[in-house]
Amino acid sequence: MPYQLCYCSICRKQQGGGGYAINLAAVTSSLRVEGGSTLGLYRARIEDDEHASCELSSGERRFCTRCGSGLWLFDPSWPDLIHPFASAIDTELPVAPSRVHLMLKYKASWVVPDIGPDDATFDLYPEKSIEDWHKDARQWVA
């Protein structure tokens, strides 16, 4: 369910036409890829504001080298999960009963978040995992 809006500069610049990106969650083994030779790989450099350092993200963002569309994010730190970008899904997706706005600390100055009355907001990461949110919303599919 597309409920989590990420305003970090990496997601925003790669997928965020509205100033944020929406990542879905899926089990990695469910991914089926055709045309693998047209996939590109982007690994962002993450700047640490507090320690004035920069490191290469472990997150692997895949995109189509023909059209440039961002497709999914995979992080080997969580090998069982894959995060397709909602913007790459052509089939219908359910409307979330509420949303989570995260990484608002990094929101672009021109972005005005549309925060609903039941939405949760976080400067950095949310308190609940993707799995916990879906279970609480009775949307978990195992």
C-alpha atoms as a PDB file:
ATOM      1  CA  MET A   1       0.000   0.000   0.000  1.00  0.00           C
ATOM      2  CA  PRO A   2       1.522   3.369  -0.953  1.00  0.00           C
ATOM      3  CA  TYR A   3       1.383   5.066   2.437  1.00  0.00           C
ATOM      4  CA  GLN A   4       4.926   6.268   3.110  1.00  0.00           C
ATOM      5  CA  LEU A   5       6.110   9.529   1.552  1.00  0.00           C
ATOM      6  CA  CYS A   6       9.873  10.059   1.780  1.00  0.00           C
ATOM      7  CA  TYR A   7      11.162  13.626   1.445  1.00  0.00           C
ATOM      8  CA  CYS A   8      14.894  12.827   1.648  1.00  0.00           C
ATOM      9  CA  SER A   9      17.023  14.401  -1.056  1.00  0.00           C
ATOM     10  CA  ILE A  10      17.945  11.034  -2.578  1.00  0.00           C
ATOM     11  CA  CYS A  11      14.360   9.810  -3.037  1.00  0.00           C
ATOM     12  CA  ARG A  12      13.171  13.283  -4.016  1.00  0.00           C
ATOM     13  CA  LYS A  13      15.818  13.680  -6.705  1.00  0.00           C
ATOM     14  CA  GLN A  14      15.448  10.186  -8.111  1.00  0.00           C
ATOM     15  CA  GLN A  15      11.670   9.709  -7.924  1.00  0.00           C
ATOM     16  CA  GLY A  16      10.065  12.743  -6.344  1.00  0.00           C
ATOM     17  CA  GLY A  17       8.224  14.822  -8.888  1.00  0.00           C
ATOM     18  CA  GLY A  18       6.030  16.097  -6.040  1.00  0.00           C
ATOM     19  CA  GLY A  19       8.962  16.553  -3.698  1.00  0.00           C
ATOM     20  CA  TYR A  20       8.782  13.030  -2.268  1.00  0.00           C
ATOM     21  CA  ALA A  21       8.914   9.399  -3.356  1.00  0.00           C
ATOM     22  CA  ILE A  22       6.626   6.539  -2.413  1.00  0.00           C
ATOM     23  CA  ASN A  23       8.293   3.181  -1.892  1.00  0.00           C
ATOM     24  CA  LEU A  24       6.262   0.002  -1.565  1.00  0.00           C
ATOM     25  CA  ALA A  25       7.358  -3.129   0.262  1.00  0.00           C
ATOM     26  CA  ALA A  26       7.518  -6.625  -1.173  1.00  0.00           C
ATOM     27  CA  VAL A  27       9.276  -9.907  -0.584  1.00  0.00           C
ATOM     28  CA  THR A  28      12.449 -10.031  -2.673  1.00  0.00           C
ATOM     29  CA  SER A  29      11.707 -13.537  -3.962  1.00  0.00           C
ATOM     30  CA  SER A  30       8.519 -12.215  -5.601  1.00  0.00           C
ATOM     31  CA  LEU A  31      10.480 -10.005  -8.026  1.00  0.00           C
ATOM     32  CA  ARG A  32      10.524 -11.191 -11.628  1.00  0.00           C
ATOM     33  CA  VAL A  33      12.648  -9.230 -14.092  1.00  0.00           C
ATOM     34  CA  GLU A  34      12.668  -9.373 -17.880  1.00  0.00           C
ATOM     35  CA  GLY A  35      15.111  -7.311 -19.880  1.00  0.00           C
ATOM     36  CA  GLY A  36      17.741  -7.250 -17.152  1.00  0.00           C
ATOM     37  CA  SER A  37      20.329  -5.925 -19.601  1.00  0.00           C
ATOM     38  CA  THR A  38      18.489  -2.581 -19.664  1.00  0.00           C
ATOM     39  CA  LEU A  39      18.691  -2.073 -15.895  1.00  0.00           C
ATOM     40  CA  GLY A  40      20.892   0.628 -14.471  1.00  0.00           C
ATOM     41  CA  LEU A  41      22.164   0.825 -10.897  1.00  0.00           C
ATOM     42  CA  TYR A  42      22.451   3.967  -8.791  1.00  0.00           C
ATOM     43  CA  ARG A  43      23.988   4.062  -5.312  1.00  0.00           C
ATOM     44  CA  ALA A  44      23.714   7.437  -3.650  1.00  0.00           C
ATOM     45  CA  ARG A  45      26.345   9.152  -1.571  1.00  0.00           C
ATOM     46  CA  ILE A  46      24.956   9.955   1.869  1.00  0.00           C
ATOM     47  CA  GLU A  47      26.250  13.026   3.641  1.00  0.00           C
ATOM     48  CA  ASP A  48      26.327  12.944   7.434  1.00  0.00           C
ATOM     49  CA  ASP A  49      25.418  16.445   8.633  1.00  0.00           C
ATOM     50  CA  GLU A  50      26.750  15.887  12.140  1.00  0.00           C
ATOM     51  CA  HIS A  51      30.111  14.333  11.276  1.00  0.00           C
ATOM     52  CA  ALA A  52      30.886  16.124   8.007  1.00  0.00           C
ATOM     53  CA  SER A  53      31.407  12.819   6.193  1.00  0.00           C
ATOM     54  CA  CYS A  54      30.064  11.115   3.099  1.00  0.00           C
ATOM     55  CA  GLU A  55      29.578   7.403   2.458  1.00  0.00           C
ATOM     56  CA  LEU A  56      28.229   5.253  -0.341  1.00  0.00           C
ATOM     57  CA  SER A  57      24.713   4.004   0.411  1.00  0.00           C
ATOM     58  CA  SER A  58      24.197   0.252   0.619  1.00  0.00           C
ATOM     59  CA  GLY A  59      20.837   0.817  -1.096  1.00  0.00           C
ATOM     60  CA  GLU A  60      20.763  -0.236  -4.746  1.00  0.00           C
ATOM     61  CA  ARG A  61      18.328   1.838  -6.780  1.00  0.00           C
ATOM     62  CA  ARG A  62      17.472   0.220 -10.095  1.00  0.00           C
ATOM     63  CA  PHE A  63      16.222   2.150 -13.105  1.00  0.00           C
ATOM     64  CA  CYS A  64      15.518   1.598 -16.799  1.00  0.00           C
ATOM     65  CA  THR A  65      18.430   2.764 -18.939  1.00  0.00           C
ATOM     66  CA  ARG A  66      16.088   3.234 -21.921  1.00  0.00           C
ATOM     67  CA  CYS A  67      13.517   5.592 -20.368  1.00  0.00           C
ATOM     68  CA  GLY A  68      15.114   6.570 -17.056  1.00  0.00           C
ATOM     69  CA  SER A  69      12.204   5.370 -14.896  1.00  0.00           C
ATOM     70  CA  GLY A  70      13.142   4.445 -11.344  1.00  0.00           C
ATOM     71  CA  LEU A  71      11.970   0.909 -10.628  1.00  0.00           C
ATOM     72  CA  TRP A  72      12.923  -0.298  -7.156  1.00  0.00           C
ATOM     73  CA  LEU A  73      15.241  -0.007  -4.189  1.00  0.00           C
ATOM     74  CA  PHE A  74      17.007  -3.026  -2.719  1.00  0.00           C
ATOM     75  CA  ASP A  75      19.293  -2.942   0.294  1.00  0.00           C
ATOM     76  CA  PRO A  76      21.374  -6.050   1.076  1.00  0.00           C
ATOM     77  CA  SER A  77      21.095  -5.107   4.766  1.00  0.00           C
ATOM     78  CA  TRP A  78      17.495  -6.410   4.506  1.00  0.00           C
ATOM     79  CA  PRO A  79      17.820  -9.136   1.843  1.00  0.00           C
ATOM     80  CA  ASP A  80      14.229 -10.385   2.174  1.00  0.00           C
ATOM     81  CA  LEU A  81      12.689  -7.016   1.219  1.00  0.00           C
ATOM     82  CA  ILE A  82      12.484  -5.078  -2.009  1.00  0.00           C
ATOM     83  CA  HIS A  83      10.914  -1.641  -2.405  1.00  0.00           C
ATOM     84  CA  PRO A  84       9.321  -0.928  -5.789  1.00  0.00           C
ATOM     85  CA  PHE A  85       8.598   2.739  -6.481  1.00  0.00           C
ATOM     86  CA  ALA A  86       4.836   3.287  -6.599  1.00  0.00           C
ATOM     87  CA  SER A  87       5.399   5.575  -9.591  1.00  0.00           C
ATOM     88  CA  ALA A  88       6.615   2.557 -11.613  1.00  0.00           C
ATOM     89  CA  ILE A  89       3.465   0.497 -11.011  1.00  0.00           C
ATOM     90  CA  ASP A  90       0.937   0.597 -13.859  1.00  0.00           C
ATOM     91  CA  THR A  91      -1.776  -1.445 -12.127  1.00  0.00           C
ATOM     92  CA  GLU A  92      -4.185  -0.028  -9.552  1.00  0.00           C
ATOM     93  CA  LEU A  93      -2.929   0.373  -6.003  1.00  0.00           C
ATOM     94  CA  PRO A  94      -5.112   0.766  -2.909  1.00  0.00           C
ATOM     95  CA  VAL A  95      -5.539   4.194  -1.313  1.00  0.00           C
ATOM     96  CA  ALA A  96      -3.975   4.312   2.138  1.00  0.00           C
ATOM     97  CA  PRO A  97      -6.289   5.216   5.039  1.00  0.00           C
ATOM     98  CA  SER A  98      -3.511   7.443   6.373  1.00  0.00           C
ATOM     99  CA  ARG A  99       0.029   8.268   5.349  1.00  0.00           C
ATOM    100  CA  VAL A 100       3.420   8.604   6.950  1.00  0.00           C
ATOM    101  CA  HIS A 101       5.580  11.579   5.956  1.00  0.00           C
ATOM    102  CA  LEU A 102       9.227  10.833   6.727  1.00  0.00           C
ATOM    103  CA  MET A 103      12.572  12.569   6.382  1.00  0.00           C
ATOM    104  CA  LEU A 104      10.840  15.950   6.575  1.00  0.00           C
ATOM    105  CA  LYS A 105      14.130  17.349   7.887  1.00  0.00           C
ATOM    106  CA  TYR A 106      15.397  17.102   4.296  1.00  0.00           C
ATOM    107  CA  LYS A 107      12.306  18.403   2.503  1.00  0.00           C
ATOM    108  CA  ALA A 108      12.977  20.956  -0.243  1.00  0.00           C
ATOM    109  CA  SER A 109      11.951  24.515   0.643  1.00  0.00           C
ATOM    110  CA  TRP A 110       9.421  24.612  -2.214  1.00  0.00           C
ATOM    111  CA  VAL A 111       7.558  21.510  -0.998  1.00  0.00           C
ATOM    112  CA  VAL A 112       4.349  22.014   0.987  1.00  0.00           C
ATOM    113  CA  PRO A 113       3.386  18.601   2.401  1.00  0.00           C
ATOM    114  CA  ASP A 114      -0.297  17.693   2.203  1.00  0.00           C
ATOM    115  CA  ILE A 115      -0.614  16.262   5.701  1.00  0.00           C
ATOM    116  CA  GLY A 116      -4.008  14.755   6.497  1.00  0.00           C
ATOM    117  CA  PRO A 117      -5.594  14.705   9.956  1.00  0.00           C
ATOM    118  CA  ASP A 118      -4.702  11.018  10.484  1.00  0.00           C
ATOM    119  CA  ASP A 119      -1.217  11.247   8.962  1.00  0.00           C
ATOM    120  CA  ALA A 120       1.984  10.846  10.995  1.00  0.00           C
ATOM    121  CA  THR A 121       5.059  13.025  10.463  1.00  0.00           C
ATOM    122  CA  PHE A 122       8.717  12.379  11.243  1.00  0.00           C
ATOM    123  CA  ASP A 123      11.842  14.491  10.841  1.00  0.00           C
ATOM    124  CA  LEU A 124      13.739  11.258  10.176  1.00  0.00           C
ATOM    125  CA  TYR A 125      12.424   7.683  10.302  1.00  0.00           C
ATOM    126  CA  PRO A 126       8.975   6.530  11.486  1.00  0.00           C
ATOM    127  CA  GLU A 127       8.491   4.617  14.699  1.00  0.00           C
ATOM    128  CA  LYS A 128       6.816   1.638  13.004  1.00  0.00           C
ATOM    129  CA  SER A 129       8.365  -0.655  10.437  1.00  0.00           C
ATOM    130  CA  ILE A 130       6.635  -1.120   7.097  1.00  0.00           C
ATOM    131  CA  GLU A 131       5.440  -4.537   8.278  1.00  0.00           C
ATOM    132  CA  ASP A 132       4.068  -3.168  11.572  1.00  0.00           C
ATOM    133  CA  TRP A 133       2.219  -0.335   9.810  1.00  0.00           C
ATOM    134  CA  HIS A 134       0.563  -2.754   7.384  1.00  0.00           C
ATOM    135  CA  LYS A 135      -0.383  -5.137  10.207  1.00  0.00           C
ATOM    136  CA  ASP A 136      -1.873  -2.304  12.282  1.00  0.00           C
ATOM    137  CA  ALA A 137      -3.830  -1.090   9.230  1.00  0.00           C
ATOM    138  CA  ARG A 138      -4.963  -4.710   8.593  1.00  0.00           C
ATOM    139  CA  GLN A 139      -3.322  -4.588   5.174  1.00  0.00           C
ATOM    140  CA  TRP A 140      -0.529  -7.117   5.725  1.00  0.00           C
ATOM    141  CA  VAL A 141      -0.358  -9.848   3.081  1.00  0.00           C
ATOM    142  CA  ALA A 142       1.964 -12.671   4.027  1.00  0.00           C
END
